[in-house]
Protein backbone atom coordinates (compact mmCIF):
# COMPACT_ATOMS: atom_id res chain seq x y z
CA MET A 1 -34.03 -2.84 -18.69
CA ASP A 2 -36.58 -0.43 -19.99
CA GLU A 3 -38.85 -1.04 -16.92
CA MET A 4 -35.86 -0.44 -14.64
CA LYS A 5 -33.14 2.48 -14.51
CA LEU A 6 -30.42 3.61 -11.70
CA GLU A 7 -31.75 6.75 -10.45
CA GLY A 8 -29.23 7.24 -7.54
CA ILE A 9 -26.83 5.91 -4.94
CA THR A 10 -27.09 5.64 -1.05
CA LEU A 11 -23.94 5.63 1.05
CA LEU A 12 -24.82 4.23 4.45
CA ALA A 13 -23.20 5.85 7.41
CA ASP A 14 -22.63 5.82 10.99
CA ASP A 15 -22.27 9.89 10.47
CA VAL A 16 -24.32 11.31 8.35
CA ALA A 17 -23.30 14.95 9.69
CA GLY A 18 -19.84 14.30 9.02
CA LEU A 19 -20.04 12.95 5.46
CA ALA A 20 -22.43 15.02 3.88
CA HIS A 21 -19.53 17.67 4.62
CA PHE A 22 -16.89 15.48 2.96
CA TYR A 23 -19.37 15.75 -0.20
CA GLU A 24 -20.53 19.03 0.20
CA ASN A 25 -17.52 21.07 1.09
CA VAL A 26 -14.33 18.58 -0.27
CA ILE A 27 -16.11 17.41 -3.28
CA GLY A 28 -18.81 20.45 -4.24
CA PHE A 29 -21.97 18.42 -4.50
CA THR A 30 -24.85 21.09 -4.19
CA VAL A 31 -27.29 19.15 -1.28
CA THR A 32 -30.76 18.71 -2.54
CA GLU A 33 -32.59 17.83 0.86
CA ARG A 34 -31.21 17.83 4.37
CA GLU A 35 -32.04 16.13 7.42
CA ALA A 36 -30.75 14.31 10.70
CA ASP A 37 -30.67 11.41 9.46
CA TYR A 38 -30.56 11.63 5.07
CA VAL A 39 -28.67 14.26 2.98
CA ALA A 40 -29.22 13.80 -0.49
CA PHE A 41 -27.41 15.68 -3.41
CA ASP A 42 -27.48 16.75 -6.96
CA GLY A 43 -25.38 14.18 -8.90
CA GLY A 44 -25.23 15.73 -11.81
CA GLY A 45 -27.84 13.63 -13.09
CA LYS A 46 -28.04 10.73 -10.84
CA ARG A 47 -29.21 11.40 -6.84
CA LEU A 48 -26.20 10.57 -4.44
CA ALA A 49 -27.49 10.16 -0.88
CA ILE A 50 -26.35 9.26 2.08
CA PHE A 51 -28.71 7.49 4.94
CA LEU A 52 -27.66 6.32 8.70
CA ARG A 53 -26.98 3.24 8.67
CA SER A 54 -29.33 2.14 11.81
CA GLY A 55 -31.78 3.69 9.93
CA MET A 56 -31.81 1.27 6.62
CA SER A 57 -31.88 -1.38 9.39
CA ALA A 58 -34.93 -0.21 10.04
CA ASN A 59 -36.50 0.04 6.80
CA THR A 60 -35.67 -3.60 5.94
CA PHE A 61 -37.41 -5.22 9.49
CA ASP A 62 -34.29 -5.17 10.99
CA HIS A 63 -31.96 -7.23 8.38
CA PRO A 64 -28.34 -8.35 10.66
CA SER A 65 -26.20 -6.91 7.76
CA TYR A 66 -26.71 -3.55 9.20
CA ARG A 67 -25.71 -4.33 13.07
CA GLU A 68 -22.52 -5.43 11.64
CA PRO A 69 -19.46 -3.35 11.64
CA ARG A 70 -18.55 -2.55 8.19
CA ARG A 71 -15.66 -3.85 7.45
CA GLY A 72 -13.87 -3.92 3.72
CA GLN A 73 -14.49 -1.68 0.53
CA SER A 74 -17.88 -2.18 -0.95
CA ALA A 75 -18.90 0.48 -3.14
CA GLU A 76 -16.72 3.17 -5.43
CA LEU A 77 -17.69 6.46 -6.92
CA ASN A 78 -16.09 7.09 -10.07
CA PHE A 79 -15.34 10.74 -11.11
CA GLU A 80 -14.25 11.67 -14.78
CA CYS A 81 -12.29 14.68 -15.44
CA PRO A 82 -11.71 15.74 -19.13
CA SER A 83 -7.91 15.36 -19.20
CA PRO A 84 -5.27 14.16 -17.26
CA ASP A 85 -3.57 17.35 -16.06
CA VAL A 86 -7.53 18.07 -14.54
CA VAL A 87 -7.06 14.39 -12.53
CA ARG A 88 -4.07 15.69 -11.14
CA GLU A 89 -4.98 19.17 -10.30
CA LYS A 90 -8.24 17.96 -8.87
CA TYR A 91 -6.82 15.06 -6.59
CA ALA A 92 -4.92 17.56 -4.99
CA GLU A 93 -7.32 20.02 -4.20
CA LEU A 94 -9.38 16.75 -2.99
CA VAL A 95 -6.28 16.07 -0.69
CA GLU A 96 -6.05 19.62 0.56
CA ARG A 97 -9.43 19.94 1.41
CA GLY A 98 -9.53 16.73 3.90
CA ALA A 99 -10.12 13.78 1.32
CA VAL A 100 -7.43 11.31 2.82
CA SER A 101 -5.01 10.54 -0.46
CA ILE A 102 -4.48 6.54 -1.31
CA ALA A 103 -3.11 6.30 -4.64
CA GLU A 104 -1.97 9.32 -6.31
CA PRO A 105 -2.66 9.75 -9.88
CA VAL A 106 -0.68 7.69 -12.20
CA GLU A 107 -0.98 6.49 -16.02
CA LYS A 108 -3.21 2.61 -16.11
CA PRO A 109 -2.85 0.17 -18.38
CA TRP A 110 -6.15 0.45 -19.05
CA GLY A 111 -5.55 4.14 -20.21
CA HIS A 112 -6.63 6.21 -17.84
CA VAL A 113 -4.59 8.51 -15.89
CA ALA A 114 -6.28 7.47 -12.08
CA GLY A 115 -6.00 8.22 -8.79
CA PHE A 116 -7.66 7.05 -5.43
CA PHE A 117 -8.79 9.04 -2.32
CA ALA A 118 -10.67 7.76 1.01
CA ASP A 119 -13.96 10.20 2.58
CA PRO A 120 -14.03 9.90 6.15
CA GLU A 121 -15.73 6.94 6.55
CA GLY A 122 -13.34 4.83 4.50
CA ASN A 123 -14.88 4.74 1.02
CA ILE A 124 -12.61 4.60 -1.60
CA HIS A 125 -13.30 6.53 -5.06
CA SER A 126 -11.45 7.03 -8.08
CA ILE A 127 -10.81 10.06 -10.11
CA PHE A 128 -9.92 9.46 -13.57
CA ALA A 129 -9.42 11.08 -16.86
CA VAL A 130 -9.07 8.82 -20.26
CA ILE A 131 -5.52 9.35 -22.07
CA ALA A 132 -5.95 10.42 -25.68
CA GLU A 133 -4.64 8.45 -28.06
CA GLY A 134 -2.40 10.26 -30.19
């Protein structure tokens, strides 16, 4: 892996402006580049980008998977918080700002308090904190 590193994540969208608005105004990411079909954000060390689905089709010599309607979950972003209280607070803020509530934060058997929310294109993401051992 020394020769490869994860530089960023690109979410494909049918509505780039709408999804970019969500990540800028609901999540609070800073836009680093904005074009009609592409928006990039400062993801705290990793680039998060949104790109028009049909544009990716052109980049891949019209691979058929980019013409098919999107079905089901294909990617999840995980947002870590410093404490369970912050998870609950941020989750409520996200939903108030327009995120779709999927599952409110609860204690999970794997030692996290985790909640799940969706963006406008239906991508479901998690927000969590590791439960301190006491």
